[in-house]
Structure formats: structure tokens, C-alpha cells
Amino acid sequence: MSLSYLQPVEASFTLDDYKPQQVGFQIQKHLYSIGLPDLSDVKIAFFCVEKNRQSFSNFRRHLYSLFVGNWYFSIADLGNLPAGETDEDTHFAIREIVAELVKKGVIPLVIGGEQQFTYSLYRAFDSLEQMVNLVSVDAKFDFGNEEELFIESSYMSRLISEPPVNLL
């Protein structure tokens, strides 16, 4: 199971720290004490991709402190994906995790990592044989010419030029 690549959220993020109206109280968390959450009723699940042992504690602290909006679906925090021995290991893990989530009807949200991992996220849909929309929040579009298709600064060119093309 590809979700086993994920490391649990720090135990300091417990229900006791949040009011019932806050995200931190309502979000389902991957914790050491209980394991991965049941995804059967989850609409959105996110995980954080570590790079150079970075911590996502501040991100979680701020997200969890927000108050819930007018939505009626569950969100899960699946924890952190540690960097693999090589970038290819990390690419593989991202593709597998995202594909598994989509097969379960869960919208994946990937936080952190590097721009080049957007390509892995997109390629997770190859085996699912479905068209997708892709959102990337970035300061600039990373397009390059044909000779630069495989460098990080042109990953968007690679997305739209390599078959199979899964974009709507």
C-alpha cells in the first residue's frame, strides 16, 4: 500500500489543542497512536513532501487554527512523505500515493517539495486513464524550449508535450 510511505503527523497536534469549530479539531490525522485515517468519507486529503528535513509544523499549526467554513465534507492530513534516496524514489512515491487517493475518490493535495514533483503528481493519472485539471501555485510559468524539457525550470513544457496528455 503506497500510503505506508507516509510518516504520521507529530503527536503534539491533538484534538485537545483546538475548539470544535477549528480545522484542527475536525480534520482526520495520521497519528502514530491510531495510524492512517479511514478515507471512505474523506473528500480531500493532503500530505507534505519533505525536502532537506524541512518541518511542516508551522504550516499545520496555522492551518489547524483556522475556523471551518460552510463545507460538509471530511479532510485528512496524511502526514509527511520523506525525501527518497534519490529524486526518482520521491517521484515514484508521489505517483503511487496520488493514484491510490484518486482511485478511492479522494482529491489529493500535495504541499511542499520542489517544482519538479508537479510532473510526478500529473503522471499519477496516466494509469487511471482520465483527463485532469492541474493547478500549480507559482510565481511564474515554467516553460522552456525543446532542448530544456527535462530541467526543473521547464517542467510545464514537459507536462504538455509528453504523451500521454491527460489535461482537459
Protein backbone atom coordinates (compact mmCIF):
# COMPACT_ATOMS: atom_id res chain seq x y z
CA MET A 1 0.00 0.00 0.00
CA SER A 2 1.56 3.28 -1.13
CA LEU A 3 0.17 5.23 1.81
CA SER A 4 2.63 3.34 4.01
CA TYR A 5 5.37 5.64 2.62
CA LEU A 6 3.86 8.47 4.68
CA GLN A 7 5.07 9.35 8.17
CA PRO A 8 2.49 10.37 10.78
CA VAL A 9 1.82 13.91 11.97
CA GLU A 10 3.60 14.94 15.17
CA ALA A 11 1.74 13.84 18.30
CA SER A 12 1.63 17.46 19.51
CA PHE A 13 -1.31 18.08 17.16
CA THR A 14 -4.10 16.59 19.25
CA LEU A 15 -7.82 17.37 19.48
CA ASP A 16 -7.29 18.93 22.91
CA ASP A 17 -5.50 21.89 21.33
CA TYR A 18 -8.47 23.03 19.22
CA LYS A 19 -12.06 24.15 19.56
CA PRO A 20 -14.75 22.06 17.82
CA GLN A 21 -15.17 24.81 15.17
CA GLN A 22 -11.49 24.71 14.14
CA VAL A 23 -9.93 22.67 11.35
CA GLY A 24 -7.52 21.03 13.82
CA PHE A 25 -10.44 19.52 15.72
CA GLN A 26 -12.31 18.26 12.67
CA ILE A 27 -9.51 17.11 10.38
CA GLN A 28 -8.67 13.42 10.37
CA LYS A 29 -4.99 12.94 11.15
CA HIS A 30 -2.45 10.22 10.50
CA LEU A 31 -1.03 9.78 14.01
CA TYR A 32 1.36 7.22 15.48
CA SER A 33 -1.25 6.28 18.08
CA ILE A 34 -4.08 5.49 15.62
CA GLY A 35 -2.43 5.06 12.20
CA LEU A 36 -3.83 6.23 8.89
CA PRO A 37 -7.38 7.62 8.92
CA ASP A 38 -10.24 5.80 7.22
CA LEU A 39 -10.61 7.51 3.84
CA SER A 40 -14.07 6.18 3.00
CA ASP A 41 -15.79 9.52 3.79
CA VAL A 42 -12.85 11.83 3.04
CA LYS A 43 -13.19 14.29 0.15
CA ILE A 44 -9.73 15.96 0.31
CA ALA A 45 -6.51 14.51 1.68
CA PHE A 46 -3.16 16.22 1.79
CA PHE A 47 0.38 15.23 2.52
CA CYS A 48 3.59 17.22 2.74
CA VAL A 49 6.70 16.36 0.72
CA GLU A 50 9.84 16.88 2.76
CA LYS A 51 13.00 18.28 1.25
CA ASN A 52 16.19 18.62 3.30
CA ARG A 53 14.42 17.55 6.51
CA GLN A 54 12.14 20.62 6.50
CA SER A 55 9.39 20.78 9.07
CA PHE A 56 5.74 21.43 8.30
CA SER A 57 4.81 22.14 11.92
CA ASN A 58 4.21 25.86 11.33
CA PHE A 59 2.08 25.12 8.27
CA ARG A 60 -0.06 22.68 10.28
CA ARG A 61 -0.26 24.98 13.29
CA HIS A 62 -1.66 27.79 11.11
CA LEU A 63 -3.96 25.55 9.06
CA TYR A 64 -5.35 23.75 12.09
CA SER A 65 -6.08 27.03 13.87
CA LEU A 66 -8.40 28.22 11.08
CA PHE A 67 -12.14 28.01 11.59
CA VAL A 68 -14.16 25.64 9.41
CA GLY A 69 -16.18 27.12 6.58
CA ASN A 70 -19.56 26.13 5.21
CA TRP A 71 -18.47 22.82 3.78
CA TYR A 72 -19.81 19.43 4.64
CA PHE A 73 -17.02 17.02 3.81
CA SER A 74 -14.06 15.50 5.60
CA ILE A 75 -10.43 16.43 5.17
CA ALA A 76 -7.49 14.22 6.11
CA ASP A 77 -3.88 15.07 6.89
CA LEU A 78 -1.92 12.01 5.81
CA GLY A 79 1.39 13.24 7.23
CA ASN A 80 4.76 13.70 5.54
CA LEU A 81 6.47 11.95 2.67
CA PRO A 82 10.18 11.87 3.50
CA ALA A 83 12.61 12.53 0.66
CA GLY A 84 13.72 9.30 -1.01
CA GLU A 85 17.30 8.19 -1.51
CA THR A 86 17.04 9.73 -4.99
CA ASP A 87 14.63 12.16 -6.63
CA GLU A 88 13.33 9.22 -8.69
CA ASP A 89 12.33 7.44 -5.46
CA THR A 90 10.35 10.52 -4.40
CA HIS A 91 8.77 10.81 -7.87
CA PHE A 92 7.68 7.16 -7.66
CA ALA A 93 6.17 7.55 -4.17
CA ILE A 94 4.22 10.69 -5.17
CA ARG A 95 2.81 8.96 -8.28
CA GLU A 96 1.73 5.92 -6.26
CA ILE A 97 0.17 7.87 -3.39
CA VAL A 98 -1.75 10.24 -5.68
CA ALA A 99 -3.01 7.39 -7.87
CA GLU A 100 -4.24 5.48 -4.80
CA LEU A 101 -6.07 8.53 -3.45
CA VAL A 102 -7.76 9.26 -6.77
CA LYS A 103 -8.85 5.61 -7.09
CA LYS A 104 -10.54 5.99 -3.69
CA GLY A 105 -12.36 9.14 -4.88
CA VAL A 106 -10.23 11.46 -2.73
CA ILE A 107 -8.88 14.75 -4.09
CA PRO A 108 -5.12 14.82 -3.40
CA LEU A 109 -3.39 18.00 -2.28
CA VAL A 110 0.41 17.94 -2.20
CA ILE A 111 2.23 20.53 -0.08
CA GLY A 112 5.93 21.35 -0.35
CA GLY A 113 8.70 19.62 -2.22
CA GLU A 114 10.09 21.07 -5.43
CA GLN A 115 8.51 22.21 -8.66
CA GLN A 116 9.72 19.13 -10.48
CA PHE A 117 7.41 16.97 -8.36
CA THR A 118 4.43 18.55 -10.13
CA TYR A 119 5.34 16.29 -13.03
CA SER A 120 5.09 13.19 -10.80
CA LEU A 121 1.73 14.31 -9.50
CA TYR A 122 0.47 14.73 -13.06
CA ARG A 123 1.86 11.37 -14.21
CA ALA A 124 -0.12 9.61 -11.46
CA PHE A 125 -3.14 9.98 -13.76
CA ASP A 126 -1.54 8.01 -16.61
CA SER A 127 -2.64 4.66 -15.20
CA LEU A 128 -6.09 5.98 -14.33
CA GLU A 129 -6.89 6.86 -17.94
CA GLN A 130 -8.80 10.01 -17.15
CA MET A 131 -8.45 13.65 -18.07
CA VAL A 132 -7.47 16.11 -15.35
CA ASN A 133 -7.20 19.77 -14.47
CA LEU A 134 -3.92 20.86 -12.93
CA VAL A 135 -3.38 23.80 -10.58
CA SER A 136 0.11 24.96 -9.70
CA VAL A 137 0.58 27.99 -7.45
CA ASP A 138 3.84 29.59 -8.52
CA ALA A 139 5.37 32.99 -9.23
CA LYS A 140 5.91 32.18 -12.92
CA PHE A 141 5.04 29.64 -15.60
CA ASP A 142 7.99 27.34 -16.15
CA PHE A 143 8.16 26.82 -19.90
CA GLY A 144 11.30 26.17 -21.90
CA ASN A 145 12.33 25.21 -25.39
CA GLU A 146 12.72 21.66 -26.75
CA GLU A 147 16.29 21.30 -25.51
CA GLU A 148 15.23 22.22 -21.96
CA LEU A 149 12.26 19.89 -21.48
CA PHE A 150 13.87 17.88 -18.72
CA ILE A 151 15.16 20.56 -16.40
CA GLU A 152 13.25 21.84 -13.37
CA SER A 153 12.74 25.32 -14.82
CA SER A 154 10.72 23.91 -17.73
CA TYR A 155 8.58 21.21 -16.13
CA MET A 156 5.38 22.77 -17.53
CA SER A 157 6.67 22.30 -21.10
CA ARG A 158 7.28 18.66 -20.27
CA LEU A 159 3.72 18.30 -18.93
CA ILE A 160 2.07 19.49 -22.12
CA SER A 161 4.44 17.91 -24.63
CA GLU A 162 4.98 14.32 -23.46
CA PRO A 163 2.35 11.71 -24.19
CA PRO A 164 0.00 10.68 -22.85
CA VAL A 165 -1.57 14.11 -22.48
CA ASN A 166 -4.15 13.98 -19.70
CA LEU A 167 -5.04 17.68 -19.48
CA LEU A 168 -8.59 18.83 -20.13
